[in-house]
Amino acid sequence: MFNNGLSGIKRKKTTIKINHENMKYKVHRIKVKSDNMQEELEQFLNKLDGEVVSVIPNYAKTSLFQIYGITSKIDFILIVENVK
């Protein structure tokens, strides 16, 4: 236990350990467009057997200049799956 100095409140510090030896991951790449992104992602996630760990969008700069500067769009999504 330690005292954090705030009005005498004591907190117990806990640590969670995870065994990474038996964990295996698979990374999937899905090409998407702005008009079909939600449907594509939803269909793909519903087909997975494992647990989804992360969904990572990849932003690509476009060469079109807007009033506020260079725009970007999502061209593909990476999905990290924990397989057993």
N, C-alpha and C. Protein backbone atom coordinates (compact mmCIF):
# COMPACT_ATOMS: atom_id res chain seq x y z
N MET A 1 0.84 -1.17 0.00
CA MET A 1 0.00 0.00 0.00
C MET A 1 0.89 1.24 0.00
N PHE A 2 0.42 2.27 -0.65
CA PHE A 2 1.17 3.51 -0.65
C PHE A 2 0.21 4.68 -0.54
N ASN A 3 0.72 5.78 -0.07
CA ASN A 3 -0.08 6.99 0.12
C ASN A 3 0.24 7.93 -1.03
N ASN A 4 -0.79 8.35 -1.74
CA ASN A 4 -0.57 9.24 -2.88
C ASN A 4 -0.56 10.72 -2.47
N GLY A 5 -0.74 11.02 -1.19
CA GLY A 5 -0.66 12.39 -0.72
C GLY A 5 -1.95 13.17 -0.84
N LEU A 6 -3.01 12.58 -1.35
CA LEU A 6 -4.27 13.28 -1.52
C LEU A 6 -5.22 12.87 -0.40
N SER A 7 -5.40 13.70 0.54
CA SER A 7 -6.35 13.55 1.66
C SER A 7 -6.25 12.19 2.35
N GLY A 8 -5.07 11.63 2.44
CA GLY A 8 -4.86 10.41 3.18
C GLY A 8 -5.43 9.15 2.56
N ILE A 9 -5.78 9.17 1.28
CA ILE A 9 -6.35 7.99 0.63
C ILE A 9 -5.21 7.03 0.30
N LYS A 10 -5.39 5.77 0.68
CA LYS A 10 -4.39 4.76 0.38
C LYS A 10 -4.92 3.86 -0.73
N ARG A 11 -4.05 3.55 -1.67
CA ARG A 11 -4.41 2.69 -2.79
C ARG A 11 -3.48 1.50 -2.84
N LYS A 12 -4.00 0.39 -3.25
CA LYS A 12 -3.20 -0.81 -3.41
C LYS A 12 -2.81 -0.93 -4.88
N LYS A 13 -1.54 -1.11 -5.13
CA LYS A 13 -1.04 -1.23 -6.49
C LYS A 13 -1.16 -2.68 -6.93
N THR A 14 -1.78 -2.91 -8.09
CA THR A 14 -1.92 -4.27 -8.60
C THR A 14 -1.27 -4.39 -9.96
N THR A 15 -0.76 -5.56 -10.24
CA THR A 15 -0.13 -5.83 -11.52
C THR A 15 -0.78 -7.06 -12.12
N ILE A 16 -1.11 -6.97 -13.39
CA ILE A 16 -1.70 -8.10 -14.10
C ILE A 16 -0.64 -8.67 -15.04
N LYS A 17 -0.36 -9.95 -14.91
CA LYS A 17 0.62 -10.60 -15.78
C LYS A 17 -0.12 -11.48 -16.78
N ILE A 18 0.32 -11.42 -18.02
CA ILE A 18 -0.30 -12.20 -19.09
C ILE A 18 0.75 -13.16 -19.65
N ASN A 19 0.38 -14.42 -19.79
CA ASN A 19 1.27 -15.41 -20.37
C ASN A 19 1.16 -15.34 -21.89
N HIS A 20 2.22 -14.88 -22.55
CA HIS A 20 2.20 -14.70 -24.01
C HIS A 20 2.70 -15.93 -24.76
N GLU A 21 3.10 -16.98 -24.04
CA GLU A 21 3.70 -18.14 -24.69
C GLU A 21 2.73 -18.85 -25.63
N ASN A 22 1.48 -18.97 -25.24
CA ASN A 22 0.52 -19.73 -26.03
C ASN A 22 -0.36 -18.86 -26.92
N MET A 23 -0.11 -17.56 -26.96
CA MET A 23 -0.95 -16.67 -27.77
C MET A 23 -0.39 -16.58 -29.19
N LYS A 24 -1.28 -16.68 -30.15
CA LYS A 24 -0.91 -16.52 -31.55
C LYS A 24 -1.84 -15.50 -32.17
N TYR A 25 -1.29 -14.69 -33.05
CA TYR A 25 -2.04 -13.62 -33.67
C TYR A 25 -2.01 -13.76 -35.18
N LYS A 26 -3.06 -13.29 -35.81
CA LYS A 26 -3.14 -13.23 -37.26
C LYS A 26 -3.55 -11.81 -37.62
N VAL A 27 -2.87 -11.23 -38.61
CA VAL A 27 -3.18 -9.87 -39.05
C VAL A 27 -3.83 -9.94 -40.43
N HIS A 28 -5.01 -9.35 -40.55
CA HIS A 28 -5.76 -9.33 -41.80
C HIS A 28 -5.74 -7.92 -42.37
N ARG A 29 -5.75 -7.83 -43.68
CA ARG A 29 -5.78 -6.53 -44.35
C ARG A 29 -7.02 -6.48 -45.25
N ILE A 30 -7.83 -5.44 -45.06
CA ILE A 30 -9.06 -5.28 -45.84
C ILE A 30 -8.99 -3.95 -46.59
N LYS A 31 -9.11 -4.01 -47.91
CA LYS A 31 -9.18 -2.78 -48.70
C LYS A 31 -10.59 -2.23 -48.59
N VAL A 32 -10.70 -0.94 -48.32
CA VAL A 32 -12.01 -0.31 -48.18
C VAL A 32 -12.06 1.01 -48.92
N LYS A 33 -13.27 1.44 -49.20
CA LYS A 33 -13.53 2.77 -49.76
C LYS A 33 -14.43 3.48 -48.77
N SER A 34 -14.49 4.77 -48.85
CA SER A 34 -15.27 5.53 -47.87
C SER A 34 -16.76 5.21 -47.92
N ASP A 35 -17.25 4.79 -49.08
CA ASP A 35 -18.68 4.52 -49.19
C ASP A 35 -19.08 3.13 -48.70
N ASN A 36 -18.12 2.18 -48.57
CA ASN A 36 -18.47 0.83 -48.14
C ASN A 36 -17.69 0.36 -46.91
N MET A 37 -17.04 1.27 -46.23
CA MET A 37 -16.15 0.90 -45.13
C MET A 37 -16.87 0.17 -44.00
N GLN A 38 -17.97 0.68 -43.55
CA GLN A 38 -18.69 0.09 -42.42
C GLN A 38 -19.21 -1.30 -42.76
N GLU A 39 -19.79 -1.47 -43.95
CA GLU A 39 -20.33 -2.76 -44.34
C GLU A 39 -19.24 -3.81 -44.50
N GLU A 40 -18.11 -3.42 -45.12
CA GLU A 40 -17.00 -4.35 -45.31
C GLU A 40 -16.43 -4.81 -43.97
N LEU A 41 -16.24 -3.87 -43.06
CA LEU A 41 -15.68 -4.21 -41.75
C LEU A 41 -16.64 -5.10 -40.97
N GLU A 42 -17.92 -4.77 -41.00
CA GLU A 42 -18.91 -5.56 -40.27
C GLU A 42 -18.98 -7.00 -40.79
N GLN A 43 -19.00 -7.17 -42.10
CA GLN A 43 -19.05 -8.51 -42.68
C GLN A 43 -17.81 -9.31 -42.32
N PHE A 44 -16.66 -8.67 -42.38
CA PHE A 44 -15.42 -9.39 -42.08
C PHE A 44 -15.34 -9.80 -40.61
N LEU A 45 -15.71 -8.89 -39.70
CA LEU A 45 -15.64 -9.19 -38.27
C LEU A 45 -16.60 -10.31 -37.88
N ASN A 46 -17.75 -10.38 -38.53
CA ASN A 46 -18.71 -11.44 -38.23
C ASN A 46 -18.24 -12.81 -38.69
N LYS A 47 -17.30 -12.88 -39.63
CA LYS A 47 -16.79 -14.15 -40.12
C LYS A 47 -15.61 -14.68 -39.30
N LEU A 48 -15.01 -13.86 -38.45
CA LEU A 48 -13.83 -14.28 -37.69
C LEU A 48 -14.20 -15.27 -36.60
N ASP A 49 -13.29 -16.22 -36.35
CA ASP A 49 -13.48 -17.20 -35.30
C ASP A 49 -12.81 -16.77 -34.00
N GLY A 50 -11.69 -16.06 -34.09
CA GLY A 50 -10.94 -15.66 -32.91
C GLY A 50 -11.43 -14.34 -32.33
N GLU A 51 -10.66 -13.85 -31.37
CA GLU A 51 -10.98 -12.60 -30.69
C GLU A 51 -10.26 -11.44 -31.37
N VAL A 52 -10.97 -10.35 -31.64
CA VAL A 52 -10.37 -9.18 -32.26
C VAL A 52 -9.60 -8.40 -31.20
N VAL A 53 -8.31 -8.18 -31.45
CA VAL A 53 -7.46 -7.45 -30.52
C VAL A 53 -7.43 -5.98 -30.87
N SER A 54 -7.34 -5.67 -32.18
CA SER A 54 -7.21 -4.28 -32.58
C SER A 54 -7.69 -4.10 -34.02
N VAL A 55 -8.21 -2.91 -34.30
CA VAL A 55 -8.56 -2.50 -35.66
C VAL A 55 -7.79 -1.22 -35.94
N ILE A 56 -6.92 -1.26 -36.97
CA ILE A 56 -6.01 -0.15 -37.25
C ILE A 56 -6.26 0.38 -38.66
N PRO A 57 -6.73 1.62 -38.79
CA PRO A 57 -6.90 2.20 -40.12
C PRO A 57 -5.57 2.72 -40.67
N ASN A 58 -5.38 2.62 -41.98
CA ASN A 58 -4.19 3.16 -42.63
C ASN A 58 -4.60 4.39 -43.43
N TYR A 59 -4.06 5.53 -43.04
CA TYR A 59 -4.39 6.78 -43.71
C TYR A 59 -3.40 7.05 -44.83
N ALA A 60 -3.92 7.39 -46.00
CA ALA A 60 -3.09 7.72 -47.15
C ALA A 60 -3.37 9.18 -47.53
N LYS A 61 -2.31 9.93 -47.73
CA LYS A 61 -2.50 11.33 -48.15
C LYS A 61 -2.95 11.37 -49.61
N THR A 62 -3.86 12.27 -49.89
CA THR A 62 -4.29 12.46 -51.28
C THR A 62 -3.62 13.70 -51.83
N SER A 63 -3.50 13.76 -53.14
CA SER A 63 -2.81 14.88 -53.76
C SER A 63 -3.70 16.08 -54.01
N LEU A 64 -4.97 15.96 -53.67
CA LEU A 64 -5.90 17.07 -53.86
C LEU A 64 -5.78 18.07 -52.72
N PHE A 65 -5.66 19.33 -53.06
CA PHE A 65 -5.58 20.36 -52.03
C PHE A 65 -6.97 20.92 -51.77
N GLN A 66 -7.32 20.95 -50.53
CA GLN A 66 -8.58 21.54 -50.11
C GLN A 66 -8.29 22.94 -49.56
N ILE A 67 -9.29 23.62 -49.10
CA ILE A 67 -9.11 24.95 -48.53
C ILE A 67 -8.21 24.90 -47.32
N TYR A 68 -8.31 23.84 -46.53
CA TYR A 68 -7.56 23.74 -45.29
C TYR A 68 -6.28 22.93 -45.41
N GLY A 69 -5.90 22.48 -46.57
CA GLY A 69 -4.65 21.74 -46.72
C GLY A 69 -4.85 20.40 -47.39
N ILE A 70 -3.86 19.56 -47.26
CA ILE A 70 -3.88 18.23 -47.88
C ILE A 70 -4.86 17.35 -47.12
N THR A 71 -5.67 16.61 -47.86
CA THR A 71 -6.63 15.71 -47.23
C THR A 71 -6.05 14.30 -47.17
N SER A 72 -6.66 13.46 -46.37
CA SER A 72 -6.25 12.06 -46.30
C SER A 72 -7.50 11.19 -46.31
N LYS A 73 -7.29 9.93 -46.66
CA LYS A 73 -8.40 8.98 -46.68
C LYS A 73 -7.88 7.65 -46.17
N ILE A 74 -8.80 6.79 -45.76
CA ILE A 74 -8.43 5.45 -45.32
C ILE A 74 -8.49 4.53 -46.53
N ASP A 75 -7.37 3.89 -46.86
CA ASP A 75 -7.36 3.00 -48.02
C ASP A 75 -7.43 1.53 -47.63
N PHE A 76 -6.95 1.17 -46.45
CA PHE A 76 -7.15 -0.19 -45.96
C PHE A 76 -7.16 -0.21 -44.45
N ILE A 77 -7.66 -1.33 -43.89
CA ILE A 77 -7.76 -1.50 -42.45
C ILE A 77 -7.03 -2.78 -42.07
N LEU A 78 -6.20 -2.72 -41.02
CA LEU A 78 -5.55 -3.91 -40.49
C LEU A 78 -6.35 -4.38 -39.27
N ILE A 79 -6.61 -5.67 -39.20
CA ILE A 79 -7.34 -6.25 -38.08
C ILE A 79 -6.45 -7.32 -37.44
N VAL A 80 -6.17 -7.17 -36.16
CA VAL A 80 -5.35 -8.13 -35.42
C VAL A 80 -6.30 -9.07 -34.70
N GLU A 81 -6.13 -10.37 -34.95
CA GLU A 81 -7.00 -11.40 -34.39
C GLU A 81 -6.17 -12.32 -33.51
N ASN A 82 -6.66 -12.64 -32.33
CA ASN A 82 -6.03 -13.60 -31.44
C ASN A 82 -6.64 -14.96 -31.75
N VAL A 83 -5.83 -15.86 -32.32
CA VAL A 83 -6.31 -17.19 -32.66
C VAL A 83 -5.86 -18.18 -31.60
N LYS A 84 -6.68 -19.19 -31.35
CA LYS A 84 -6.35 -20.17 -30.31
C LYS A 84 -5.95 -21.48 -30.88
